Structures are given as structure tokens and as C-alpha cells.
């Protein structure tokens, strides 16, 4: 299937990706793949310790067992770990409390190839199948790549906010997943 990416001058097939519940080994892979200042620019600016990814992957396994969704490990067509995408409850006491946030992060070498769009579309279908009616994506206002992904997914800008810790402008994008007239959205 050929999927047109908005902003691309020609039709481009999205790459094949696979999503899996993160394993203990994925904590090491995420730590390695995300150990890049470009990747971490909008996530604190520097690499996190391995223990952060160990806790994160463990939490995602719990989310999957309890909710049927999580931040899944993204594998490329050869089975390489290239990042994560998925959904989880918004974790902070500000912003869209009580809502489900979708998100993504890929290693730098995998940017601009359609991996995030392909994986995020799979995420939306899995979250919809789990009965989630609406999702949000919280994006730093300077992160033009992630903003472009939200548009490809059909999300709309719902709110502009200032993050409490960094005092940076952010955007909250929203997408209704509920079926319209008995059809999938």
C-alpha cells in the first residue's frame, strides 16, 4: 500500500515496522539508540542513565498488562530496535490529566524515513481497539518534526501551554478515535 506523506512531493510507501512490548533487553537498546543530543533535544537535552530506561520498560510492561497498550519498542524490517512509540496515561499533574498520550522517539539515523508515521498509525489502531476514545500528543512548540507527525495522523491543535519546569511553549494535539456512525475514525 502506498501512503502519501503530507509535504512529500511524491508518493512514498511507509516502511514496515513491528511493535512489541518492551523487554528487559530493550532498556539497553533504548539507552544506546537515544544516546544522541539531537534525539534528546526536546527530552531534557542529554542522555538518560540506563536505570531510567530499565524503569521505563518495566512500567510499560505493567501498562500493557493492565491497559492493553504501552510505549512499544519499534523494530525495523530487519528486527533492529529503532526506538519506541505508543500510548500511556499522561504522567504529570499539569496538562491533560487523566488522558492518554501518544508519543514516539527514534534513533537519529532513522529520522525522515516514515518509521514514526507507520508506527504511530499502528499505535492509534491498537489504542482504538483497546477502547480509548481520544488521545493527545504533547509536543514542544519548536519540535517541527513531531508536529508534522501529528498532522499526518490527523490530530488537531487543541491547546498551547507553557511547561512548568522549562517554561517553554508546548502544544497539545488531540484526536478523536471513537467510531463515527459505526465506522472506524
Protein backbone atom coordinates (compact mmCIF):
# COMPACT_ATOMS: atom_id res chain seq x y z
CA UNK A 1 0.00 0.00 0.00
CA UNK A 2 1.31 3.44 -0.92
CA UNK A 3 0.59 6.12 1.66
CA UNK A 4 1.13 9.75 0.75
CA UNK A 5 3.01 11.68 3.40
CA UNK A 6 1.92 15.29 3.55
CA UNK A 7 4.67 17.60 2.40
CA UNK A 8 6.34 14.92 0.27
CA UNK A 9 6.32 15.68 -3.46
CA UNK A 10 5.83 12.03 -4.49
CA UNK A 11 4.01 9.03 -3.11
CA UNK A 12 6.17 7.14 -0.71
CA UNK A 13 5.50 3.77 0.82
CA UNK A 14 5.77 3.71 4.57
CA UNK A 15 8.40 1.29 5.86
CA UNK A 16 7.50 -1.98 7.51
CA UNK A 17 7.69 -1.78 11.29
CA UNK A 18 6.80 -4.11 14.09
CA UNK A 19 5.79 -3.16 17.63
CA UNK A 20 6.43 -5.29 20.70
CA UNK A 21 6.03 -4.89 24.43
CA UNK A 22 9.47 -3.76 25.63
CA UNK A 23 11.75 -6.40 27.09
CA UNK A 24 14.49 -6.04 29.69
CA UNK A 25 16.98 -6.03 26.80
CA UNK A 26 15.11 -3.14 25.16
CA UNK A 27 16.12 -0.87 28.05
CA UNK A 28 19.73 -1.30 26.91
CA UNK A 29 18.76 -0.82 23.26
CA UNK A 30 16.75 2.35 24.01
CA UNK A 31 19.66 3.71 26.05
CA UNK A 32 22.02 3.12 23.12
CA UNK A 33 19.68 4.39 20.36
CA UNK A 34 18.71 7.55 22.28
CA UNK A 35 22.28 8.43 23.33
CA UNK A 36 22.39 11.41 20.98
CA UNK A 37 21.95 15.13 21.75
CA UNK A 38 19.71 15.57 18.68
CA UNK A 39 17.38 12.81 19.86
CA UNK A 40 17.25 14.23 23.38
CA UNK A 41 16.88 17.90 22.35
CA UNK A 42 13.24 18.05 23.47
CA UNK A 43 13.64 15.50 26.28
CA UNK A 44 15.96 17.24 28.70
CA UNK A 45 18.81 17.77 26.25
CA UNK A 46 21.05 14.96 27.42
CA UNK A 47 21.06 11.19 27.59
CA UNK A 48 19.33 9.46 30.46
CA UNK A 49 21.01 6.83 32.60
CA UNK A 50 20.36 3.17 31.81
CA UNK A 51 18.34 2.88 35.04
CA UNK A 52 15.79 5.37 33.63
CA UNK A 53 15.15 3.07 30.66
CA UNK A 54 15.06 -0.01 32.91
CA UNK A 55 12.30 1.59 34.98
CA UNK A 56 10.51 2.87 31.86
CA UNK A 57 10.43 -0.53 30.13
CA UNK A 58 9.21 -2.20 33.34
CA UNK A 59 6.43 0.40 33.66
CA UNK A 60 5.43 -0.15 30.03
CA UNK A 61 5.10 -3.90 30.60
CA UNK A 62 2.73 -3.12 33.50
CA UNK A 63 0.73 -0.68 31.33
CA UNK A 64 0.38 -3.31 28.61
CA UNK A 65 -0.78 -5.97 31.10
CA UNK A 66 -3.24 -3.61 32.80
CA UNK A 67 -4.48 -1.50 29.87
CA UNK A 68 -3.63 -3.35 26.66
CA UNK A 69 -1.31 -0.61 25.44
CA UNK A 70 2.04 0.95 26.34
CA UNK A 71 5.10 2.52 24.76
CA UNK A 72 6.08 -0.31 22.44
CA UNK A 73 9.53 -0.99 21.10
CA UNK A 74 9.68 -0.22 17.36
CA UNK A 75 11.57 -2.72 15.23
CA UNK A 76 12.51 -2.08 11.61
CA UNK A 77 12.11 -4.63 8.81
CA UNK A 78 15.35 -6.38 9.84
CA UNK A 79 14.30 -6.65 13.50
CA UNK A 80 16.58 -3.86 14.77
CA UNK A 81 15.37 -1.76 17.71
CA UNK A 82 14.99 1.77 16.33
CA UNK A 83 13.01 3.46 19.11
CA UNK A 84 9.58 3.43 20.69
CA UNK A 85 6.05 4.58 20.04
CA UNK A 86 2.85 4.01 21.89
CA UNK A 87 0.47 5.39 24.45
CA UNK A 88 0.32 5.79 28.18
CA UNK A 89 -1.62 7.87 30.71
CA UNK A 90 -0.34 11.46 30.89
CA UNK A 91 2.08 11.23 33.84
CA UNK A 92 2.18 14.80 35.15
CA UNK A 93 -0.05 16.84 37.45
CA UNK A 94 -0.46 19.59 34.84
CA UNK A 95 -1.69 19.40 31.24
CA UNK A 96 -4.20 16.80 30.06
CA UNK A 97 -4.58 14.95 33.38
CA UNK A 98 -6.46 11.69 33.05
CA UNK A 99 -5.97 11.48 29.29
CA UNK A 100 -4.00 9.05 27.17
CA UNK A 101 -0.94 10.49 25.46
CA UNK A 102 0.63 9.02 22.35
CA UNK A 103 4.29 9.59 21.71
CA UNK A 104 7.35 8.44 19.83
CA UNK A 105 11.10 8.64 19.85
CA UNK A 106 13.51 7.21 17.30
CA UNK A 107 17.25 6.99 17.00
CA UNK A 108 18.68 9.80 14.85
CA UNK A 109 19.68 7.55 11.93
CA UNK A 110 16.02 6.55 11.45
CA UNK A 111 14.53 10.04 11.15
CA UNK A 112 12.85 11.19 7.95
CA UNK A 113 12.11 7.70 6.62
CA UNK A 114 8.45 7.32 7.65
CA UNK A 115 9.08 4.98 10.58
CA UNK A 116 7.32 7.18 13.14
CA UNK A 117 4.27 7.69 10.96
CA UNK A 118 3.96 3.96 10.27
CA UNK A 119 4.44 3.04 13.94
CA UNK A 120 2.15 5.81 15.23
CA UNK A 121 -0.65 4.69 12.90
CA UNK A 122 -0.31 1.17 14.31
CA UNK A 123 -0.41 2.69 17.80
CA UNK A 124 -3.64 4.56 17.04
CA UNK A 125 -5.30 1.36 15.83
CA UNK A 126 -4.19 -0.61 18.89
CA UNK A 127 -5.33 2.12 21.27
CA UNK A 128 -8.67 2.41 19.45
CA UNK A 129 -9.05 -1.39 19.72
CA UNK A 130 -8.39 -1.09 23.48
CA UNK A 131 -11.41 1.25 23.74
CA UNK A 132 -9.63 4.58 24.18
CA UNK A 133 -11.94 7.27 22.73
CA UNK A 134 -9.44 10.18 22.46
CA UNK A 135 -5.68 10.64 22.54
CA UNK A 136 -3.42 13.63 22.97
CA UNK A 137 0.15 14.32 21.90
CA UNK A 138 2.16 16.82 23.92
CA UNK A 139 4.83 18.41 21.71
CA UNK A 140 7.42 21.12 22.31
CA UNK A 141 6.41 24.02 20.03
CA UNK A 142 9.90 24.00 18.44
CA UNK A 143 9.74 20.31 17.53
CA UNK A 144 8.67 20.70 13.91
CA UNK A 145 9.26 17.03 13.09
CA UNK A 146 6.84 15.79 15.74
CA UNK A 147 4.32 18.50 14.84
CA UNK A 148 4.44 17.21 11.25
CA UNK A 149 3.72 13.68 12.50
CA UNK A 150 0.67 14.88 14.46
CA UNK A 151 -0.65 16.43 11.24
CA UNK A 152 -0.06 13.22 9.26
CA UNK A 153 -2.07 11.40 11.92
CA UNK A 154 -4.96 13.86 11.55
CA UNK A 155 -4.54 15.40 15.00
CA UNK A 156 -5.64 18.98 15.67
CA UNK A 157 -4.03 21.61 17.86
CA UNK A 158 -6.21 21.79 20.97
CA UNK A 159 -4.17 23.94 23.35
CA UNK A 160 -0.98 25.96 23.65
CA UNK A 161 0.65 25.84 27.07
CA UNK A 162 3.83 26.72 28.96
CA UNK A 163 5.63 23.81 30.61
CA UNK A 164 6.11 24.44 34.34
CA UNK A 165 9.71 23.20 34.60
CA UNK A 166 11.30 24.61 31.45
CA UNK A 167 8.90 27.50 30.82
CA UNK A 168 8.86 26.51 27.13
CA UNK A 169 5.85 26.75 24.87
CA UNK A 170 4.22 23.45 24.09
CA UNK A 171 1.31 22.22 22.04
CA UNK A 172 -1.39 19.73 22.95
CA UNK A 173 -2.75 17.94 19.88
CA UNK A 174 -5.92 15.86 20.11
CA UNK A 175 -7.50 13.09 18.04
CA UNK A 176 -10.94 11.52 18.50
CA UNK A 177 -10.70 7.75 17.97
CA UNK A 178 -14.37 6.95 18.52
CA UNK A 179 -16.12 5.40 15.52
CA UNK A 180 -18.24 7.83 13.53
CA UNK A 181 -21.62 6.36 12.57
CA UNK A 182 -20.39 2.85 13.27
CA UNK A 183 -17.26 3.23 11.16
CA UNK A 184 -13.70 3.48 12.44
CA UNK A 185 -12.44 7.05 12.58
